[in-house]
C-alpha cells in the first residue's frame, strides 16, 4: 500500500508538471507511475478487499498530494479544503478501524 500511495502521488505530481500533457518527460513519468501504482494496488487487493484498499489508497494519496502541492508548488488549501482533508483522514481511519466486520 505504501508503494501504491507513493507511486500514485508521484503520478499526480508528474501530471501537474506535464502541463496538460504537453511536456513529454513528465507525461511519460506520470503514465509509468500510474501503471506501477495500479500494479501495487492489485497486489494489495489479493489480501484486502477492493473497497477498503481503494478507500485507504485514495485518502492517503489525496493527503500526500496536498502536502507535496504545498511544499513544491506553494498551493495552500483554504479553510474549507483543509476541513475537507481532515474529514478524509477521519474517514480513512473509520473505514480501517471500524468498518471491518
N, C-alpha and C. Protein backbone atom coordinates (compact mmCIF):
# COMPACT_ATOMS: atom_id res chain seq x y z
N UNK A 1 0.82 -1.19 0.00
CA UNK A 1 0.00 0.00 0.00
C UNK A 1 0.87 1.26 0.00
N UNK A 2 1.97 1.22 0.74
CA UNK A 2 2.87 2.38 0.80
C UNK A 2 3.42 2.68 -0.59
N UNK A 3 3.82 1.65 -1.32
CA UNK A 3 4.36 1.85 -2.68
C UNK A 3 3.28 2.42 -3.58
N UNK A 4 2.06 1.91 -3.47
CA UNK A 4 0.95 2.40 -4.31
C UNK A 4 0.68 3.88 -4.04
N UNK A 5 0.66 4.26 -2.77
CA UNK A 5 0.42 5.67 -2.41
C UNK A 5 1.57 6.54 -2.94
N UNK A 6 2.80 6.09 -2.75
CA UNK A 6 3.95 6.85 -3.27
C UNK A 6 3.90 7.02 -4.77
N UNK A 7 3.60 5.93 -5.46
CA UNK A 7 3.54 6.00 -6.93
C UNK A 7 2.34 6.82 -7.40
N UNK A 8 1.20 6.69 -6.73
CA UNK A 8 0.03 7.48 -7.09
C UNK A 8 0.27 8.96 -6.89
N UNK A 9 0.92 9.29 -5.79
CA UNK A 9 1.25 10.69 -5.53
C UNK A 9 2.24 11.21 -6.56
N UNK A 10 3.25 10.41 -6.88
CA UNK A 10 4.23 10.80 -7.91
C UNK A 10 3.53 11.03 -9.24
N UNK A 11 2.59 10.15 -9.58
CA UNK A 11 1.86 10.31 -10.84
C UNK A 11 1.09 11.62 -10.87
N UNK A 12 0.46 11.97 -9.75
CA UNK A 12 -0.26 13.25 -9.69
C UNK A 12 0.67 14.44 -9.86
N UNK A 13 1.82 14.38 -9.24
CA UNK A 13 2.78 15.48 -9.34
C UNK A 13 3.32 15.58 -10.76
N UNK A 14 3.66 14.44 -11.36
CA UNK A 14 4.12 14.46 -12.75
C UNK A 14 3.03 14.98 -13.68
N UNK A 15 1.77 14.64 -13.42
CA UNK A 15 0.67 15.14 -14.25
C UNK A 15 0.59 16.66 -14.15
N UNK A 16 0.78 17.21 -12.95
CA UNK A 16 0.79 18.67 -12.78
C UNK A 16 1.94 19.29 -13.57
N UNK A 17 3.12 18.67 -13.48
CA UNK A 17 4.29 19.21 -14.19
C UNK A 17 4.20 19.02 -15.70
N UNK A 18 3.35 18.10 -16.16
CA UNK A 18 3.22 17.85 -17.59
C UNK A 18 2.44 18.95 -18.31
N UNK A 19 1.80 19.83 -17.52
CA UNK A 19 1.05 20.97 -18.07
C UNK A 19 0.10 20.54 -19.18
N UNK A 20 -0.88 19.72 -18.80
CA UNK A 20 -1.87 19.25 -19.78
C UNK A 20 -1.29 18.22 -20.74
N UNK A 21 -0.29 17.51 -20.30
CA UNK A 21 0.43 16.51 -21.10
C UNK A 21 1.04 17.12 -22.37
N UNK A 22 1.53 18.34 -22.21
CA UNK A 22 2.24 19.00 -23.32
C UNK A 22 3.76 18.84 -23.19
N UNK A 23 4.22 18.42 -22.02
CA UNK A 23 5.65 18.17 -21.81
C UNK A 23 5.86 16.66 -21.77
N UNK A 24 6.76 16.16 -22.62
CA UNK A 24 6.88 14.73 -22.84
C UNK A 24 7.39 13.95 -21.63
N UNK A 25 8.48 14.40 -21.00
CA UNK A 25 9.06 13.61 -19.91
C UNK A 25 8.12 13.48 -18.71
N UNK A 26 7.56 14.58 -18.19
CA UNK A 26 6.63 14.40 -17.07
C UNK A 26 5.38 13.61 -17.47
N UNK A 27 4.96 13.72 -18.73
CA UNK A 27 3.81 12.95 -19.21
C UNK A 27 4.11 11.46 -19.17
N UNK A 28 5.27 11.07 -19.66
CA UNK A 28 5.66 9.66 -19.65
C UNK A 28 5.85 9.15 -18.23
N UNK A 29 6.44 9.97 -17.37
CA UNK A 29 6.63 9.57 -15.98
C UNK A 29 5.29 9.42 -15.25
N UNK A 30 4.34 10.29 -15.56
CA UNK A 30 3.01 10.18 -14.97
C UNK A 30 2.35 8.87 -15.40
N UNK A 31 2.43 8.54 -16.67
CA UNK A 31 1.84 7.29 -17.18
C UNK A 31 2.51 6.08 -16.55
N UNK A 32 3.82 6.09 -16.50
CA UNK A 32 4.55 4.95 -15.94
C UNK A 32 4.24 4.76 -14.46
N UNK A 33 4.24 5.84 -13.70
CA UNK A 33 4.00 5.69 -12.27
C UNK A 33 2.56 5.27 -11.97
N UNK A 34 1.59 5.68 -12.78
CA UNK A 34 0.22 5.24 -12.51
C UNK A 34 0.05 3.77 -12.85
N UNK A 35 0.74 3.29 -13.87
CA UNK A 35 0.69 1.85 -14.19
C UNK A 35 1.30 1.05 -13.06
N UNK A 36 2.45 1.47 -12.57
CA UNK A 36 3.09 0.78 -11.45
C UNK A 36 2.22 0.86 -10.19
N UNK A 37 1.59 1.99 -9.99
CA UNK A 37 0.68 2.18 -8.86
C UNK A 37 -0.46 1.16 -8.92
N UNK A 38 -1.08 1.02 -10.08
CA UNK A 38 -2.20 0.08 -10.23
C UNK A 38 -1.73 -1.36 -10.01
N UNK A 39 -0.52 -1.67 -10.42
CA UNK A 39 0.02 -3.00 -10.17
C UNK A 39 0.13 -3.23 -8.65
N UNK A 40 0.68 -2.24 -7.95
CA UNK A 40 0.82 -2.37 -6.50
C UNK A 40 -0.55 -2.52 -5.84
N UNK A 41 -1.53 -1.74 -6.28
CA UNK A 41 -2.87 -1.86 -5.71
C UNK A 41 -3.46 -3.24 -5.97
N UNK A 42 -3.22 -3.79 -7.15
CA UNK A 42 -3.74 -5.12 -7.44
C UNK A 42 -3.13 -6.17 -6.52
N UNK A 43 -1.88 -5.97 -6.13
CA UNK A 43 -1.24 -6.89 -5.19
C UNK A 43 -1.86 -6.77 -3.80
N UNK A 44 -2.15 -5.55 -3.39
CA UNK A 44 -2.78 -5.33 -2.09
C UNK A 44 -4.16 -5.97 -2.05
N UNK A 45 -4.87 -5.88 -3.18
CA UNK A 45 -6.23 -6.42 -3.23
C UNK A 45 -6.28 -7.95 -3.18
N UNK A 46 -5.13 -8.59 -3.23
CA UNK A 46 -5.11 -10.04 -3.04
C UNK A 46 -5.45 -10.41 -1.60
N UNK A 47 -5.18 -9.50 -0.67
CA UNK A 47 -5.42 -9.80 0.74
C UNK A 47 -6.43 -8.87 1.41
N UNK A 48 -6.66 -7.70 0.84
CA UNK A 48 -7.60 -6.73 1.42
C UNK A 48 -8.67 -6.47 0.37
N UNK A 49 -9.91 -6.34 0.79
CA UNK A 49 -11.00 -6.12 -0.16
C UNK A 49 -10.77 -4.85 -0.98
N UNK A 50 -11.34 -4.83 -2.17
CA UNK A 50 -11.16 -3.72 -3.09
C UNK A 50 -11.64 -2.40 -2.48
N UNK A 51 -12.77 -2.43 -1.79
CA UNK A 51 -13.32 -1.21 -1.21
C UNK A 51 -12.42 -0.59 -0.16
N UNK A 52 -11.94 -1.42 0.76
CA UNK A 52 -11.04 -0.92 1.80
C UNK A 52 -9.72 -0.47 1.20
N UNK A 53 -9.22 -1.24 0.24
CA UNK A 53 -7.95 -0.88 -0.40
C UNK A 53 -8.06 0.47 -1.07
N UNK A 54 -9.10 0.65 -1.88
CA UNK A 54 -9.20 1.88 -2.64
C UNK A 54 -9.53 3.07 -1.74
N UNK A 55 -10.36 2.87 -0.72
CA UNK A 55 -10.68 3.98 0.19
C UNK A 55 -9.41 4.45 0.90
N UNK A 56 -8.61 3.51 1.37
CA UNK A 56 -7.37 3.86 2.05
C UNK A 56 -6.40 4.52 1.09
N UNK A 57 -6.22 3.92 -0.08
CA UNK A 57 -5.31 4.46 -1.10
C UNK A 57 -5.71 5.89 -1.47
N UNK A 58 -6.97 6.07 -1.80
CA UNK A 58 -7.42 7.39 -2.27
C UNK A 58 -7.23 8.46 -1.20
N UNK A 59 -7.61 8.13 0.03
CA UNK A 59 -7.46 9.10 1.11
C UNK A 59 -6.01 9.48 1.35
N UNK A 60 -5.15 8.47 1.44
CA UNK A 60 -3.73 8.74 1.68
C UNK A 60 -3.09 9.48 0.50
N UNK A 61 -3.51 9.13 -0.70
CA UNK A 61 -2.94 9.79 -1.90
C UNK A 61 -3.37 11.26 -1.96
N UNK A 62 -4.61 11.54 -1.59
CA UNK A 62 -5.09 12.93 -1.56
C UNK A 62 -4.29 13.74 -0.56
N UNK A 63 -4.09 13.19 0.62
CA UNK A 63 -3.33 13.91 1.66
C UNK A 63 -1.89 14.11 1.22
N UNK A 64 -1.25 13.06 0.70
CA UNK A 64 0.15 13.17 0.26
C UNK A 64 0.30 14.17 -0.88
N UNK A 65 -0.64 14.13 -1.84
CA UNK A 65 -0.56 15.07 -2.97
C UNK A 65 -0.75 16.50 -2.49
N UNK A 66 -1.63 16.70 -1.53
CA UNK A 66 -1.83 18.04 -0.97
C UNK A 66 -0.57 18.54 -0.28
N UNK A 67 0.07 17.67 0.50
CA UNK A 67 1.30 18.06 1.19
C UNK A 67 2.39 18.42 0.18
N UNK A 68 2.56 17.60 -0.86
CA UNK A 68 3.56 17.90 -1.89
C UNK A 68 3.18 19.18 -2.63
N UNK A 69 1.89 19.39 -2.86
CA UNK A 69 1.45 20.63 -3.51
C UNK A 69 1.81 21.86 -2.70
N UNK A 70 1.69 21.74 -1.39
CA UNK A 70 2.08 22.86 -0.51
C UNK A 70 3.58 23.09 -0.58
N UNK A 71 4.35 22.02 -0.44
CA UNK A 71 5.80 22.14 -0.38
C UNK A 71 6.43 22.51 -1.72
N UNK A 72 5.93 21.92 -2.81
CA UNK A 72 6.59 22.11 -4.11
C UNK A 72 6.01 23.26 -4.92
N UNK A 73 4.68 23.44 -4.84
CA UNK A 73 4.03 24.42 -5.70
C UNK A 73 3.43 25.59 -4.93
N UNK A 74 3.61 25.59 -3.59
CA UNK A 74 3.06 26.64 -2.74
C UNK A 74 1.55 26.79 -2.93
N UNK A 75 0.86 25.66 -3.06
CA UNK A 75 -0.59 25.65 -3.25
C UNK A 75 -1.26 25.28 -1.92
N UNK A 76 -1.61 26.29 -1.17
CA UNK A 76 -2.19 26.08 0.16
C UNK A 76 -3.70 25.93 0.05
N UNK A 77 -4.26 24.92 0.73
CA UNK A 77 -5.72 24.79 0.74
C UNK A 77 -6.33 25.88 1.61
N UNK A 78 -7.55 26.32 1.22
CA UNK A 78 -8.23 27.30 2.06
C UNK A 78 -8.88 26.58 3.24
N UNK A 79 -9.58 27.30 4.08
CA UNK A 79 -10.15 26.74 5.29
C UNK A 79 -11.07 25.56 4.99
N UNK A 80 -11.93 25.70 3.99
CA UNK A 80 -12.88 24.63 3.68
C UNK A 80 -12.18 23.40 3.12
N UNK A 81 -11.18 23.61 2.30
CA UNK A 81 -10.41 22.47 1.78
C UNK A 81 -9.67 21.77 2.91
N UNK A 82 -9.13 22.55 3.84
CA UNK A 82 -8.42 21.98 4.98
C UNK A 82 -9.38 21.14 5.84
N UNK A 83 -10.57 21.66 6.08
CA UNK A 83 -11.57 20.89 6.84
C UNK A 83 -11.95 19.61 6.09
N UNK A 84 -12.09 19.71 4.79
CA UNK A 84 -12.39 18.54 3.98
C UNK A 84 -11.30 17.49 4.09
N UNK A 85 -10.05 17.92 4.10
CA UNK A 85 -8.93 17.00 4.25
C UNK A 85 -8.97 16.31 5.61
N UNK A 86 -9.35 17.04 6.64
CA UNK A 86 -9.49 16.44 7.96
C UNK A 86 -10.57 15.36 7.93
N UNK A 87 -11.68 15.65 7.26
CA UNK A 87 -12.75 14.65 7.14
C UNK A 87 -12.28 13.42 6.37
N UNK A 88 -11.44 13.62 5.37
CA UNK A 88 -10.89 12.47 4.62
C UNK A 88 -10.06 11.60 5.55
N UNK A 89 -9.20 12.21 6.35
CA UNK A 89 -8.37 11.45 7.30
C UNK A 89 -9.26 10.70 8.28
N UNK A 90 -10.27 11.38 8.82
CA UNK A 90 -11.19 10.72 9.74
C UNK A 90 -11.89 9.56 9.04
N UNK A 91 -12.31 9.76 7.81
CA UNK A 91 -12.97 8.70 7.05
C UNK A 91 -12.10 7.49 6.83
N UNK A 92 -10.84 7.72 6.47
CA UNK A 92 -9.91 6.60 6.26
C UNK A 92 -9.72 5.84 7.57
N UNK A 93 -9.58 6.56 8.66
CA UNK A 93 -9.42 5.90 9.97
C UNK A 93 -10.67 5.09 10.30
N UNK A 94 -11.83 5.66 10.07
CA UNK A 94 -13.08 4.95 10.37
C UNK A 94 -13.23 3.70 9.52
N UNK A 95 -12.94 3.81 8.24
CA UNK A 95 -13.05 2.64 7.34
C UNK A 95 -12.15 1.52 7.83
N UNK A 96 -10.92 1.87 8.20
CA UNK A 96 -9.95 0.84 8.56
C UNK A 96 -10.11 0.30 9.98
N UNK A 97 -10.54 1.12 10.90
CA UNK A 97 -10.67 0.65 12.28
C UNK A 97 -12.06 0.16 12.64
N UNK A 98 -13.08 0.80 12.08
CA UNK A 98 -14.45 0.49 12.48
C UNK A 98 -15.28 -0.18 11.39
N UNK A 99 -14.81 -0.13 10.15
CA UNK A 99 -15.61 -0.62 9.04
C UNK A 99 -15.57 -2.10 8.79
N UNK A 100 -14.62 -2.79 9.36
CA UNK A 100 -14.49 -4.23 9.11
C UNK A 100 -15.36 -5.02 10.08
N UNK A 101 -16.04 -6.02 9.55
CA UNK A 101 -16.88 -6.88 10.39
C UNK A 101 -16.08 -8.04 10.92
